[in-house]
Amino acid sequence: MFRAVPPRASVIACNTCRHSADAREDGDGVRGGALLAAALRDVAATDDRFREIAVEEMPCLFACTSFCTIYLRAPGKVGYVLGKFAADEASAASILEFTRLYAESEHGQVPYRLWPDGVKGHFIVRVPPEGQVVA
């Protein structure tokens, strides 16, 4: 059921997410989550600022009303679930830029003034690291 991955900053895309609130798939029958995962990989591969960020995917993050959902995590840091993204490179670039800032932060908390516009309004939940709660 699980596949081991190295512990590092990662963005995990739900590859079965809906394309939008109104459609499961795009015109070619591809799910929005799969398209967003591909866009994340494409953007990460073309920009050295994102080389330390793992782009991973898995089926269903159980946030179905928030199509194109991603989960950000890193060891010892608060995690975040974000959703309602367009399945495109602009969204992928904003997600990866936030993830870079997140990875560079001490506890995973990025000052709002540094957030890329493309992630504002997309946060669903933050998750404390295992064995800890946010004070």
C-alpha atoms as a PDB file:
ATOM      1  CA  MET A   1       0.000   0.000   0.000  1.00  0.00           C
ATOM      2  CA  PHE A   2       2.831   2.428   0.805  1.00  0.00           C
ATOM      3  CA  ARG A   3       6.004   3.207  -1.102  1.00  0.00           C
ATOM      4  CA  ALA A   4       8.981   4.559   0.823  1.00  0.00           C
ATOM      5  CA  VAL A   5      10.328   7.967  -0.216  1.00  0.00           C
ATOM      6  CA  PRO A   6      13.279   9.895   1.191  1.00  0.00           C
ATOM      7  CA  PRO A   7      12.408  12.361   3.952  1.00  0.00           C
ATOM      8  CA  ARG A   8      12.706  15.823   2.418  1.00  0.00           C
ATOM      9  CA  ALA A   9      10.603  18.782   1.349  1.00  0.00           C
ATOM     10  CA  SER A  10       8.004  17.545  -1.071  1.00  0.00           C
ATOM     11  CA  VAL A  11       4.840  18.546  -2.834  1.00  0.00           C
ATOM     12  CA  ILE A  12       2.448  15.650  -3.270  1.00  0.00           C
ATOM     13  CA  ALA A  13      -0.224  16.051  -5.923  1.00  0.00           C
ATOM     14  CA  CYS A  14      -3.476  14.132  -5.849  1.00  0.00           C
ATOM     15  CA  ASN A  15      -3.354  12.538  -9.299  1.00  0.00           C
ATOM     16  CA  THR A  16      -7.049  11.592  -9.284  1.00  0.00           C
ATOM     17  CA  CYS A  17      -8.414  15.073  -8.481  1.00  0.00           C
ATOM     18  CA  ARG A  18     -11.109  16.629 -10.592  1.00  0.00           C
ATOM     19  CA  HIS A  19     -10.103  19.038 -13.326  1.00  0.00           C
ATOM     20  CA  SER A  20     -12.451  21.719 -11.975  1.00  0.00           C
ATOM     21  CA  ALA A  21     -15.589  22.111  -9.904  1.00  0.00           C
ATOM     22  CA  ASP A  22     -17.603  21.254 -13.030  1.00  0.00           C
ATOM     23  CA  ALA A  23     -15.501  18.572 -14.737  1.00  0.00           C
ATOM     24  CA  ARG A  24     -13.625  15.433 -13.721  1.00  0.00           C
ATOM     25  CA  GLU A  25     -11.357  15.481 -16.769  1.00  0.00           C
ATOM     26  CA  ASP A  26     -10.144  17.834 -19.449  1.00  0.00           C
ATOM     27  CA  GLY A  27     -11.226  17.517 -23.086  1.00  0.00           C
ATOM     28  CA  ASP A  28      -8.762  14.648 -23.587  1.00  0.00           C
ATOM     29  CA  GLY A  29     -10.109  12.636 -20.637  1.00  0.00           C
ATOM     30  CA  VAL A  30      -7.190  13.413 -18.282  1.00  0.00           C
ATOM     31  CA  ARG A  31      -7.873  14.178 -14.636  1.00  0.00           C
ATOM     32  CA  GLY A  32      -6.893  17.613 -13.373  1.00  0.00           C
ATOM     33  CA  GLY A  33      -4.682  16.148 -10.664  1.00  0.00           C
ATOM     34  CA  ALA A  34      -2.655  14.200 -13.215  1.00  0.00           C
ATOM     35  CA  LEU A  35      -2.256  17.360 -15.293  1.00  0.00           C
ATOM     36  CA  LEU A  36      -1.154  19.377 -12.250  1.00  0.00           C
ATOM     37  CA  ALA A  37       1.339  16.661 -11.256  1.00  0.00           C
ATOM     38  CA  ALA A  38       2.806  16.750 -14.764  1.00  0.00           C
ATOM     39  CA  ALA A  39       2.999  20.561 -14.687  1.00  0.00           C
ATOM     40  CA  LEU A  40       4.770  20.427 -11.305  1.00  0.00           C
ATOM     41  CA  ARG A  41       7.338  17.978 -12.680  1.00  0.00           C
ATOM     42  CA  ASP A  42       7.834  20.048 -15.845  1.00  0.00           C
ATOM     43  CA  VAL A  43       8.359  23.324 -13.973  1.00  0.00           C
ATOM     44  CA  ALA A  44      10.619  21.688 -11.365  1.00  0.00           C
ATOM     45  CA  ALA A  45      12.773  20.158 -14.101  1.00  0.00           C
ATOM     46  CA  THR A  46      13.384  23.517 -15.768  1.00  0.00           C
ATOM     47  CA  ASP A  47      14.255  25.640 -12.729  1.00  0.00           C
ATOM     48  CA  ASP A  48      17.264  24.919 -10.495  1.00  0.00           C
ATOM     49  CA  ARG A  49      15.623  26.734  -7.561  1.00  0.00           C
ATOM     50  CA  PHE A  50      13.353  23.714  -7.192  1.00  0.00           C
ATOM     51  CA  ARG A  51      15.955  20.925  -7.493  1.00  0.00           C
ATOM     52  CA  GLU A  52      15.745  20.019  -3.781  1.00  0.00           C
ATOM     53  CA  ILE A  53      11.952  19.674  -3.841  1.00  0.00           C
ATOM     54  CA  ALA A  54      10.497  16.236  -4.454  1.00  0.00           C
ATOM     55  CA  VAL A  55       7.437  16.187  -6.696  1.00  0.00           C
ATOM     56  CA  GLU A  56       5.386  13.140  -5.819  1.00  0.00           C
ATOM     57  CA  GLU A  57       1.852  12.011  -6.490  1.00  0.00           C
ATOM     58  CA  MET A  58      -0.696   9.659  -5.050  1.00  0.00           C
ATOM     59  CA  PRO A  59      -4.348   8.837  -5.626  1.00  0.00           C
ATOM     60  CA  CYS A  60      -6.986  10.720  -3.645  1.00  0.00           C
ATOM     61  CA  LEU A  61      -6.039  13.074  -0.834  1.00  0.00           C
ATOM     62  CA  PHE A  62      -9.745  13.029   0.202  1.00  0.00           C
ATOM     63  CA  ALA A  63     -10.255  16.739  -0.519  1.00  0.00           C
ATOM     64  CA  CYS A  64     -12.606  16.127  -3.420  1.00  0.00           C
ATOM     65  CA  THR A  65     -14.496  19.418  -3.182  1.00  0.00           C
ATOM     66  CA  SER A  66     -11.158  21.232  -3.593  1.00  0.00           C
ATOM     67  CA  PHE A  67     -10.074  19.986  -7.044  1.00  0.00           C
ATOM     68  CA  CYS A  68      -6.358  19.876  -7.924  1.00  0.00           C
ATOM     69  CA  THR A  69      -5.256  19.369  -4.332  1.00  0.00           C
ATOM     70  CA  ILE A  70      -1.662  19.184  -3.126  1.00  0.00           C
ATOM     71  CA  TYR A  71       0.018  18.404   0.195  1.00  0.00           C
ATOM     72  CA  LEU A  72       3.284  20.046   1.274  1.00  0.00           C
ATOM     73  CA  ARG A  73       5.453  18.311   3.831  1.00  0.00           C
ATOM     74  CA  ALA A  74       8.978  18.220   5.195  1.00  0.00           C
ATOM     75  CA  PRO A  75      10.534  16.564   8.240  1.00  0.00           C
ATOM     76  CA  GLY A  76       9.895  18.519  11.437  1.00  0.00           C
ATOM     77  CA  LYS A  77       7.750  21.152   9.722  1.00  0.00           C
ATOM     78  CA  VAL A  78       4.076  21.943   9.694  1.00  0.00           C
ATOM     79  CA  GLY A  79       2.424  20.553   6.568  1.00  0.00           C
ATOM     80  CA  TYR A  80      -0.204  22.184   4.368  1.00  0.00           C
ATOM     81  CA  VAL A  81      -3.040  21.003   2.156  1.00  0.00           C
ATOM     82  CA  LEU A  82      -3.990  23.395  -0.644  1.00  0.00           C
ATOM     83  CA  GLY A  83      -6.542  23.068  -3.402  1.00  0.00           C
ATOM     84  CA  LYS A  84      -8.684  24.582  -6.145  1.00  0.00           C
ATOM     85  CA  PHE A  85      -5.755  25.124  -8.486  1.00  0.00           C
ATOM     86  CA  ALA A  86      -5.844  25.321 -12.239  1.00  0.00           C
ATOM     87  CA  ALA A  87      -3.975  22.354 -13.705  1.00  0.00           C
ATOM     88  CA  ASP A  88      -1.353  24.498 -15.422  1.00  0.00           C
ATOM     89  CA  GLU A  89       2.248  25.690 -15.282  1.00  0.00           C
ATOM     90  CA  ALA A  90       1.372  29.024 -13.637  1.00  0.00           C
ATOM     91  CA  SER A  91      -0.182  27.211 -10.674  1.00  0.00           C
ATOM     92  CA  ALA A  92       2.721  24.760 -10.587  1.00  0.00           C
ATOM     93  CA  ALA A  93       5.252  27.616 -10.514  1.00  0.00           C
ATOM     94  CA  SER A  94       3.432  29.323  -7.612  1.00  0.00           C
ATOM     95  CA  ILE A  95       3.177  26.050  -5.688  1.00  0.00           C
ATOM     96  CA  LEU A  96       6.868  25.282  -6.196  1.00  0.00           C
ATOM     97  CA  GLU A  97       7.947  28.802  -5.229  1.00  0.00           C
ATOM     98  CA  PHE A  98       5.941  28.569  -1.999  1.00  0.00           C
ATOM     99  CA  THR A  99       7.377  25.101  -1.390  1.00  0.00           C
ATOM    100  CA  ARG A 100      10.915  26.473  -1.834  1.00  0.00           C
ATOM    101  CA  LEU A 101      10.248  29.175   0.765  1.00  0.00           C
ATOM    102  CA  TYR A 102       8.615  26.573   2.989  1.00  0.00           C
ATOM    103  CA  ALA A 103      11.640  24.271   2.726  1.00  0.00           C
ATOM    104  CA  GLU A 104      13.990  27.133   3.603  1.00  0.00           C
ATOM    105  CA  SER A 105      11.950  28.155   6.670  1.00  0.00           C
ATOM    106  CA  GLU A 106      12.727  26.870  10.144  1.00  0.00           C
ATOM    107  CA  HIS A 107       9.339  25.358  10.957  1.00  0.00           C
ATOM    108  CA  GLY A 108       7.466  25.511   7.661  1.00  0.00           C
ATOM    109  CA  GLN A 109       5.795  28.838   8.355  1.00  0.00           C
ATOM    110  CA  VAL A 110       6.330  31.343   5.540  1.00  0.00           C
ATOM    111  CA  PRO A 111       5.526  35.015   6.222  1.00  0.00           C
ATOM    112  CA  TYR A 112       2.421  36.033   4.281  1.00  0.00           C
ATOM    113  CA  ARG A 113       4.251  38.912   2.590  1.00  0.00           C
ATOM    114  CA  LEU A 114       6.438  36.317   0.819  1.00  0.00           C
ATOM    115  CA  TRP A 115       3.606  34.123  -0.459  1.00  0.00           C
ATOM    116  CA  PRO A 116       3.299  34.014  -4.241  1.00  0.00           C
ATOM    117  CA  ASP A 117      -0.074  35.396  -5.335  1.00  0.00           C
ATOM    118  CA  GLY A 118      -0.873  32.051  -6.948  1.00  0.00           C
ATOM    119  CA  VAL A 119      -1.197  30.265  -3.576  1.00  0.00           C
ATOM    120  CA  LYS A 120      -3.173  32.919  -1.704  1.00  0.00           C
ATOM    121  CA  GLY A 121      -6.699  31.703  -1.025  1.00  0.00           C
ATOM    122  CA  HIS A 122      -5.840  28.062  -1.750  1.00  0.00           C
ATOM    123  CA  PHE A 123      -4.996  26.843   1.769  1.00  0.00           C
ATOM    124  CA  ILE A 124      -7.364  24.232   3.210  1.00  0.00           C
ATOM    125  CA  VAL A 125      -5.602  22.984   6.340  1.00  0.00           C
ATOM    126  CA  ARG A 126      -2.253  22.923   8.111  1.00  0.00           C
ATOM    127  CA  VAL A 127      -1.033  19.728   9.725  1.00  0.00           C
ATOM    128  CA  PRO A 128       1.399  19.603  12.659  1.00  0.00           C
ATOM    129  CA  PRO A 129       4.487  17.411  12.343  1.00  0.00           C
ATOM    130  CA  GLU A 130       4.239  13.964  13.874  1.00  0.00           C
ATOM    131  CA  GLY A 131       4.586  14.076  17.656  1.00  0.00           C
ATOM    132  CA  GLN A 132       4.100  17.854  17.857  1.00  0.00           C
ATOM    133  CA  VAL A 133       1.452  20.552  17.852  1.00  0.00           C
ATOM    134  CA  VAL A 134       1.851  24.185  16.897  1.00  0.00           C
ATOM    135  CA  ALA A 135       2.154  26.436  19.951  1.00  0.00           C
END
